[in-house]
Amino acid sequence: MHEIVILGGGYTGMGAATTLAGLTRGRDDVRITVVNGSERFTERLRLHQTASGQRLADLRIPDLLAGTSAGLVTGWVTRVDTGARVVRVDDEREIHYDTLVLALGGVTDTAAVPGADENAYTLENAEALARRLDRLGSGTVAVCGTGLTGIEAATEIAEQHPGLDVLLIGRSAPGSDLGRRAKTYLDRSLARLGVRVLAGAEITKVLPDAVETTSGETIAADVILWTGGVRVPALPATAGLTVDDRGRIVTDGSLRSVSHPDVYAVGDSAAIRQKYGVMHGTCQGGIPSAVHAAYSIARELDGREPKRFRFGYVHLPISLGRRDAVIQFSRPDGSPKRLALTGRAAVWYKETVSSSPWPSFQRLLKTPAVGLFSWRRGGRYTR
């Protein structure tokens, strides 16, 4: 029996698990085990909706994997022994693997700024934030971080809670990496929703009711949401895998660890280098990397060498509440093209490409070549 263990049951973990289950359907010499902290599948791309008080579908991983060669073990991984090829879970269980897939993802980095961990909400505790906003009624919500997560969270909260004063704070202007048309539209949408923007402000400390900046300014807030930066777990480094300066697993061209070829790394926890540089951790690249890893493992099971992973970005979709959006189309390296969609067309596009991956996971169990993505276009993975 060849034991394949996948650590993480998010977008990338489930992408790898369902693709592998589909590719190995009918084989009795392969067993796939997904290790995740809970049975529930979290739609991280929609946590800003949860934070604003909207309810998402309750998706359960065991329901998806029922009747396949893949099963779920719930628990938190405490150690990976790469020498013995053993994964240890928090209740002292040990799971042997022949092939390991690390799809651990990342979490909001609250460690870089004093007080952020103790005094700010993150989207990882979106349900608690939603309850707090419902009780607030009026007041100021400071969203710290002007990246995509901050923009989507600020606009969602402003739309769902029009009585709140939403302030978006960050070092750079929101949408600074967009083309001119998309950036102009984004600015107008923020203004329409009443989101105030404070750009050029670097936060140095988070207090229970305020944030402090490098200029010495103290900005009062009733609720603080921290969206600045992502950090990956320390597990890969402690397991002895070769990692980069951010703790991400350094991979070869086929997504195997450069130090441990029986370990594949996908998504946020992987430092995947392409011609244009190291991929940034988003769902847009994460699921294709997971599917490629699954195909590579299937090739190895058949005695063949895995192929090289190539990926190019296509777009940058940004929701601006439920009734507005902007889509910046991009070159393969992520730089903006002139083309952009706005308004209703952008909402339709965003909801199409960011719809729940659950139906696609179900299709991957049956037909691995068909799913949420066009797996290959001219030899390159795209979304």
Protein backbone atom coordinates (compact mmCIF):
# COMPACT_ATOMS: atom_id res chain seq x y z
CA MET A 1 0.00 0.00 0.00
CA HIS A 2 1.39 3.40 -1.02
CA GLU A 3 0.42 5.90 1.67
CA ILE A 4 -0.13 9.49 0.49
CA VAL A 5 -0.65 11.99 3.30
CA ILE A 6 -1.85 15.53 2.62
CA LEU A 7 -1.43 18.10 5.39
CA GLY A 8 -4.14 20.73 5.14
CA GLY A 9 -7.76 20.59 4.00
CA GLY A 10 -8.07 24.01 2.40
CA TYR A 11 -8.23 24.94 -1.28
CA THR A 12 -4.87 23.39 -2.15
CA GLY A 13 -5.16 20.36 0.12
CA MET A 14 -8.59 19.44 -1.19
CA GLY A 15 -7.52 20.19 -4.75
CA ALA A 16 -4.69 17.69 -4.38
CA ALA A 17 -6.83 15.12 -2.54
CA THR A 18 -9.75 15.08 -4.98
CA THR A 19 -7.50 15.04 -8.03
CA LEU A 20 -5.46 12.15 -6.61
CA ALA A 21 -8.60 10.26 -5.63
CA GLY A 22 -9.88 10.63 -9.17
CA LEU A 23 -6.58 9.63 -10.77
CA THR A 24 -6.18 6.54 -8.57
CA ARG A 25 -9.82 5.44 -8.70
CA GLY A 26 -10.00 1.67 -8.97
CA ARG A 27 -6.51 1.06 -7.54
CA ASP A 28 -6.28 -0.96 -4.33
CA ASP A 29 -2.61 -0.20 -3.66
CA VAL A 30 -3.00 3.53 -2.86
CA ARG A 31 -4.46 5.17 0.24
CA ILE A 32 -4.87 8.95 0.63
CA THR A 33 -5.15 10.60 4.03
CA VAL A 34 -5.99 14.28 4.54
CA VAL A 35 -5.02 15.74 7.92
CA ASN A 36 -6.92 18.88 8.89
CA GLY A 37 -7.80 20.71 12.09
CA SER A 38 -11.55 20.19 11.61
CA GLU A 39 -14.11 18.48 9.40
CA ARG A 40 -15.31 21.81 8.07
CA PHE A 41 -14.03 23.24 4.80
CA THR A 42 -13.30 26.95 5.14
CA GLU A 43 -13.84 29.16 2.10
CA ARG A 44 -11.02 31.58 2.87
CA LEU A 45 -11.78 33.66 -0.22
CA ARG A 46 -15.12 34.56 1.35
CA LEU A 47 -14.12 35.16 4.97
CA HIS A 48 -14.64 38.90 4.46
CA GLN A 49 -18.29 38.06 3.83
CA THR A 50 -18.45 36.06 7.05
CA ALA A 51 -16.83 38.94 8.92
CA SER A 52 -19.54 41.32 7.71
CA GLY A 53 -22.27 39.01 9.00
CA GLN A 54 -23.18 36.94 5.95
CA ARG A 55 -23.68 33.18 6.25
CA LEU A 56 -21.83 30.77 3.99
CA ALA A 57 -22.61 27.14 3.22
CA ASP A 58 -21.57 24.58 5.84
CA LEU A 59 -19.28 22.32 3.80
CA ARG A 60 -17.93 19.11 5.36
CA ILE A 61 -14.81 17.34 4.10
CA PRO A 62 -15.94 13.78 5.02
CA ASP A 63 -19.07 14.26 2.90
CA LEU A 64 -16.92 15.08 -0.12
CA LEU A 65 -14.49 12.18 0.36
CA ALA A 66 -17.11 9.52 1.15
CA GLY A 67 -16.77 6.47 -1.06
CA THR A 68 -13.29 7.36 -2.34
CA SER A 69 -9.78 6.17 -1.56
CA ALA A 70 -9.26 9.34 0.48
CA GLY A 71 -10.11 9.78 4.14
CA LEU A 72 -9.87 12.53 6.75
CA VAL A 73 -7.98 12.57 10.04
CA THR A 74 -8.94 15.54 12.22
CA GLY A 75 -6.21 17.00 14.40
CA TRP A 76 -3.31 19.42 14.48
CA VAL A 77 0.05 18.27 13.17
CA THR A 78 2.73 18.69 15.83
CA ARG A 79 5.72 17.17 14.03
CA VAL A 80 6.89 15.68 10.77
CA ASP A 81 9.71 13.14 11.04
CA THR A 82 11.09 13.07 7.51
CA GLY A 83 13.61 10.35 8.39
CA ALA A 84 10.97 7.89 9.62
CA ARG A 85 8.34 9.31 7.22
CA VAL A 86 5.90 9.84 10.04
CA VAL A 87 3.42 12.63 10.78
CA ARG A 88 2.53 13.13 14.44
CA VAL A 89 -0.85 14.57 15.39
CA ASP A 90 -1.70 16.37 18.64
CA ASP A 91 -3.45 13.36 20.21
CA GLU A 92 -0.22 11.35 19.82
CA ARG A 93 -1.35 9.49 16.72
CA GLU A 94 1.34 8.66 14.18
CA ILE A 95 0.59 8.48 10.47
CA HIS A 96 3.11 6.87 8.12
CA TYR A 97 3.58 8.25 4.63
CA ASP A 98 5.39 7.25 1.46
CA THR A 99 4.55 10.55 -0.21
CA LEU A 100 3.76 13.73 1.72
CA VAL A 101 1.96 16.81 0.37
CA LEU A 102 2.33 19.96 2.45
CA ALA A 103 -0.66 22.22 1.80
CA LEU A 104 -0.65 23.99 5.14
CA GLY A 105 -1.45 27.47 3.84
CA GLY A 106 -0.73 30.61 5.80
CA VAL A 107 -2.33 32.80 8.45
CA THR A 108 -2.52 36.54 8.97
CA ASP A 109 0.79 37.81 10.32
CA THR A 110 0.04 39.54 13.62
CA ALA A 111 3.54 39.06 15.00
CA ALA A 112 5.26 41.93 13.19
CA VAL A 113 3.55 44.78 15.06
CA PRO A 114 3.19 44.93 18.88
CA GLY A 115 -0.38 44.56 20.08
CA ALA A 116 -1.81 43.24 16.80
CA ASP A 117 -2.18 39.70 18.11
CA GLU A 118 -3.85 40.76 21.36
CA ASN A 119 -5.99 43.68 20.25
CA ALA A 120 -7.01 43.14 16.61
CA TYR A 121 -9.34 40.74 14.89
CA THR A 122 -8.20 38.78 11.85
CA LEU A 123 -10.27 37.01 9.22
CA GLU A 124 -9.32 33.71 10.84
CA ASN A 125 -11.83 34.71 13.57
CA ALA A 126 -14.34 36.21 11.15
CA GLU A 127 -17.40 34.88 13.01
CA ALA A 128 -16.33 36.57 16.24
CA LEU A 129 -15.76 39.81 14.32
CA ALA A 130 -19.25 39.56 12.79
CA ARG A 131 -20.80 39.26 16.25
CA ARG A 132 -18.82 42.27 17.46
CA LEU A 133 -19.91 44.40 14.50
CA ASP A 134 -23.56 43.46 15.07
CA ARG A 135 -23.32 44.68 18.68
CA LEU A 136 -21.44 47.84 17.73
CA GLY A 137 -24.22 49.65 15.87
CA SER A 138 -22.13 52.79 15.36
CA GLY A 139 -18.48 53.71 15.70
CA THR A 140 -15.22 53.33 13.80
CA VAL A 141 -13.80 50.16 12.29
CA ALA A 142 -10.11 50.41 11.37
CA VAL A 143 -9.05 47.95 8.69
CA CYS A 144 -5.26 47.73 8.81
CA GLY A 145 -3.70 46.77 5.49
CA THR A 146 -4.49 48.21 2.05
CA GLY A 147 -3.89 44.99 0.10
CA LEU A 148 -6.64 42.96 -1.54
CA THR A 149 -7.80 41.41 1.73
CA GLY A 150 -8.09 44.81 3.38
CA ILE A 151 -9.96 46.31 0.42
CA GLU A 152 -12.47 43.47 0.22
CA ALA A 153 -13.04 43.42 3.97
CA ALA A 154 -13.46 47.21 4.23
CA THR A 155 -15.96 47.41 1.36
CA GLU A 156 -17.95 44.41 2.59
CA ILE A 157 -18.23 45.84 6.11
CA ALA A 158 -19.14 49.29 4.81
CA GLU A 159 -21.89 47.86 2.61
CA GLN A 160 -23.37 45.56 5.25
CA HIS A 161 -23.04 48.08 8.10
CA PRO A 162 -23.71 51.55 6.64
CA GLY A 163 -23.91 53.05 10.12
CA LEU A 164 -20.24 52.32 10.81
CA ASP A 165 -17.32 54.55 9.90
CA VAL A 166 -14.84 52.32 8.04
CA LEU A 167 -11.23 53.48 7.85
CA LEU A 168 -8.72 51.69 5.59
CA ILE A 169 -5.14 52.24 6.76
CA GLY A 170 -1.88 51.19 5.10
CA ARG A 171 1.56 52.11 3.83
CA SER A 172 0.51 52.18 0.18
CA ALA A 173 -2.60 53.42 -1.58
CA PRO A 174 -5.29 50.77 -2.17
CA GLY A 175 -4.89 49.23 -5.60
CA SER A 176 -1.44 50.67 -6.19
CA ASP A 177 -0.57 47.66 -8.36
CA LEU A 178 -3.61 48.10 -10.63
CA GLY A 179 -3.73 49.78 -14.02
CA ARG A 180 -4.99 53.36 -14.23
CA ARG A 181 -8.58 52.56 -15.18
CA ALA A 182 -9.03 49.91 -12.49
CA LYS A 183 -7.36 52.11 -9.85
CA THR A 184 -9.62 55.05 -10.67
CA TYR A 185 -12.71 52.86 -10.45
CA LEU A 186 -11.56 51.38 -7.13
CA ASP A 187 -11.04 54.85 -5.63
CA ARG A 188 -14.53 55.92 -6.71
CA SER A 189 -16.08 52.76 -5.26
CA LEU A 190 -14.38 53.28 -1.91
CA ALA A 191 -15.68 56.84 -1.83
CA ARG A 192 -19.19 55.72 -2.80
CA LEU A 193 -19.26 53.24 0.07
CA GLY A 194 -17.96 55.85 2.49
CA VAL A 195 -14.67 54.06 3.17
CA ARG A 196 -12.09 56.58 4.34
CA VAL A 197 -8.52 55.88 3.24
CA LEU A 198 -5.36 56.76 5.12
CA ALA A 199 -2.41 55.82 2.91
CA GLY A 200 1.25 56.32 3.70
CA ALA A 201 0.68 55.36 7.33
CA GLU A 202 2.87 52.64 8.83
CA ILE A 203 1.35 51.22 11.99
CA THR A 204 3.81 50.69 14.83
CA LYS A 205 1.49 49.58 17.62
CA VAL A 206 -2.06 48.30 18.06
CA LEU A 207 -3.90 49.30 21.23
CA PRO A 208 -7.29 48.01 22.42
CA ASP A 209 -9.00 51.13 21.08
CA ALA A 210 -6.50 52.74 18.69
CA VAL A 211 -3.50 52.28 16.42
CA GLU A 212 -0.28 54.27 16.49
CA THR A 213 1.74 55.20 13.39
CA THR A 214 5.36 56.12 12.71
CA SER A 215 4.35 59.79 12.50
CA GLY A 216 3.30 59.67 16.14
CA GLU A 217 -0.39 59.85 15.31
CA THR A 218 -2.88 57.88 17.41
CA ILE A 219 -6.00 56.85 15.49
CA ALA A 220 -8.96 55.89 17.63
CA ALA A 221 -11.11 52.90 16.65
CA ASP A 222 -13.84 50.84 18.27
CA VAL A 223 -12.89 47.70 16.32
CA ILE A 224 -9.58 46.88 14.64
CA LEU A 225 -9.21 44.32 11.84
CA TRP A 226 -5.66 43.31 10.94
CA THR A 227 -5.08 42.16 7.35
CA GLY A 228 -1.40 43.02 6.90
CA GLY A 229 0.77 40.19 5.64
CA VAL A 230 0.78 36.40 5.81
CA ARG A 231 3.06 34.02 7.67
CA VAL A 232 3.49 30.30 7.12
CA PRO A 233 3.78 27.65 9.85
CA ALA A 234 7.19 26.80 11.30
CA LEU A 235 6.55 23.09 10.74
CA PRO A 236 8.51 22.75 7.45
CA ALA A 237 11.63 24.31 8.97
CA THR A 238 11.43 22.21 12.14
CA ALA A 239 11.01 19.11 9.96
CA GLY A 240 14.39 19.84 8.35
CA LEU A 241 13.05 20.79 4.93
CA THR A 242 14.95 23.46 3.01
CA VAL A 243 13.01 26.72 3.36
CA ASP A 244 13.48 30.31 2.18
CA ASP A 245 13.80 33.42 4.36
CA ARG A 246 10.01 33.43 4.89
CA GLY A 247 9.85 29.80 5.98
CA ARG A 248 8.36 28.53 2.70
CA ILE A 249 9.50 25.17 1.32
CA VAL A 250 11.89 25.56 -1.60
CA THR A 251 10.70 23.33 -4.44
CA ASP A 252 12.17 22.00 -7.64
CA GLY A 253 10.47 22.48 -11.00
CA SER A 254 7.94 19.71 -10.34
CA LEU A 255 7.00 21.05 -6.84
CA ARG A 256 9.03 18.52 -4.83
CA SER A 257 11.10 19.71 -1.90
CA VAL A 258 14.69 20.26 -3.05
CA SER A 259 15.90 18.50 0.09
CA HIS A 260 13.27 15.75 0.36
CA PRO A 261 11.90 14.54 -3.01
CA ASP A 262 9.20 12.44 -1.31
CA VAL A 263 7.62 15.70 -0.10
CA TYR A 264 5.57 17.95 -2.36
CA ALA A 265 4.74 21.54 -1.37
CA VAL A 266 1.83 23.59 -2.76
CA GLY A 267 0.07 26.85 -2.04
CA ASP A 268 1.17 29.44 0.50
CA SER A 269 3.70 27.17 2.20
CA ALA A 270 5.71 26.65 -1.00
CA ALA A 271 8.33 28.91 -2.59
CA ILE A 272 7.61 28.05 -6.22
CA ARG A 273 9.93 29.81 -8.63
CA GLN A 274 8.88 30.70 -12.14
CA LYS A 275 10.72 32.73 -14.79
CA TYR A 276 9.23 35.94 -13.39
CA GLY A 277 10.13 35.14 -9.78
CA VAL A 278 8.58 33.32 -6.82
CA MET A 279 4.81 32.94 -7.01
CA HIS A 280 2.80 34.84 -4.43
CA GLY A 281 0.42 32.86 -2.28
CA THR A 282 -3.11 33.14 -3.69
CA CYS A 283 -5.84 30.70 -4.64
CA GLN A 284 -5.23 31.64 -8.27
CA GLY A 285 -1.91 29.80 -8.22
CA GLY A 286 -2.54 27.52 -5.26
CA ILE A 287 -5.08 25.12 -6.73
CA PRO A 288 -3.20 24.68 -10.03
CA SER A 289 -0.07 23.84 -8.03
CA ALA A 290 -2.08 21.28 -6.03
CA VAL A 291 -3.51 19.67 -9.15
CA HIS A 292 -0.06 19.53 -10.75
CA ALA A 293 1.36 17.87 -7.63
CA ALA A 294 -1.43 15.28 -7.79
CA TYR A 295 -0.66 14.49 -11.43
CA SER A 296 3.06 14.30 -10.61
CA ILE A 297 2.42 11.80 -7.82
CA ALA A 298 0.23 9.73 -10.12
CA ARG A 299 3.02 9.72 -12.71
CA GLU A 300 5.51 8.53 -10.08
CA LEU A 301 3.12 5.74 -9.05
CA ASP A 302 3.22 4.59 -12.67
CA GLY A 303 7.02 4.71 -12.74
CA ARG A 304 7.25 7.95 -14.75
CA GLU A 305 8.99 11.22 -13.99
CA PRO A 306 6.87 14.22 -12.99
CA LYS A 307 6.67 17.16 -15.35
CA ARG A 308 7.70 20.75 -14.74
CA PHE A 309 5.12 23.14 -13.32
CA ARG A 310 4.54 26.34 -15.26
CA PHE A 311 2.04 28.97 -14.25
CA GLY A 312 0.99 32.40 -15.48
CA TYR A 313 -1.37 34.86 -13.82
CA VAL A 314 -4.44 35.95 -15.75
CA HIS A 315 -6.29 38.47 -13.60
CA LEU A 316 -6.70 40.23 -10.28
CA PRO A 317 -10.38 40.07 -9.21
CA ILE A 318 -11.48 42.37 -6.37
CA SER A 319 -14.96 42.37 -4.88
CA LEU A 320 -16.25 45.73 -3.62
CA GLY A 321 -19.21 44.51 -1.60
CA ARG A 322 -21.87 42.27 -3.11
CA ARG A 323 -22.94 44.62 -5.90
CA ASP A 324 -19.68 45.96 -7.26
CA ALA A 325 -16.24 44.70 -8.30
CA VAL A 326 -13.22 45.46 -10.45
CA ILE A 327 -11.20 42.96 -12.47
CA GLN A 328 -7.67 43.83 -13.52
CA PHE A 329 -6.42 41.52 -16.27
CA SER A 330 -2.72 40.79 -16.05
CA ARG A 331 0.29 39.47 -17.86
CA PRO A 332 1.67 36.07 -16.79
CA ASP A 333 4.02 37.78 -14.30
CA GLY A 334 1.09 39.54 -12.62
CA SER A 335 1.76 43.03 -14.01
CA PRO A 336 -1.41 44.83 -15.17
CA LYS A 337 -2.64 44.97 -18.73
CA ARG A 338 -4.75 47.86 -19.99
CA LEU A 339 -7.90 45.71 -19.96
CA ALA A 340 -10.16 45.87 -16.91
CA LEU A 341 -13.78 45.06 -16.07
CA THR A 342 -15.90 47.13 -13.69
CA GLY A 343 -19.41 47.20 -12.27
CA ARG A 344 -21.98 44.47 -13.01
CA ALA A 345 -19.81 42.68 -15.56
CA ALA A 346 -17.02 42.52 -12.99
CA VAL A 347 -19.40 41.20 -10.32
CA TRP A 348 -20.52 38.39 -12.63
CA TYR A 349 -16.91 37.59 -13.54
CA LYS A 350 -15.71 37.66 -9.92
CA GLU A 351 -18.53 35.43 -8.70
CA THR A 352 -17.87 32.98 -11.54
CA VAL A 353 -14.13 32.57 -10.97
CA SER A 354 -14.38 32.77 -7.16
CA SER A 355 -17.47 30.63 -6.73
CA SER A 356 -17.28 27.80 -4.23
CA PRO A 357 -14.74 25.18 -5.39
CA TRP A 358 -16.89 22.42 -3.90
CA PRO A 359 -18.64 21.42 -7.18
CA SER A 360 -15.25 21.44 -8.92
CA PHE A 361 -13.77 19.18 -6.24
CA GLN A 362 -16.70 16.81 -6.83
CA ARG A 363 -15.98 16.80 -10.57
CA LEU A 364 -12.28 16.19 -9.95
CA LEU A 365 -13.17 13.01 -8.06
CA LYS A 366 -14.85 11.73 -11.21
CA THR A 367 -12.94 13.43 -14.03
CA PRO A 368 -9.61 14.89 -12.82
CA ALA A 369 -8.97 16.78 -16.06
CA VAL A 370 -12.12 18.89 -15.61
CA GLY A 371 -12.65 21.36 -12.80
CA LEU A 372 -12.39 24.95 -11.71
CA PHE A 373 -9.44 25.69 -13.97
CA SER A 374 -8.21 25.22 -17.50
CA TRP A 375 -5.29 23.06 -16.41
CA ARG A 376 -3.23 23.55 -19.52
CA ARG A 377 -3.22 26.24 -22.13
CA GLY A 378 -0.16 26.13 -24.31
CA GLY A 379 1.61 24.01 -21.70
CA ARG A 380 0.94 26.52 -18.91
CA TYR A 381 -1.43 26.30 -15.96
CA THR A 382 -3.84 29.21 -15.90
CA ARG A 383 -6.93 30.35 -14.07
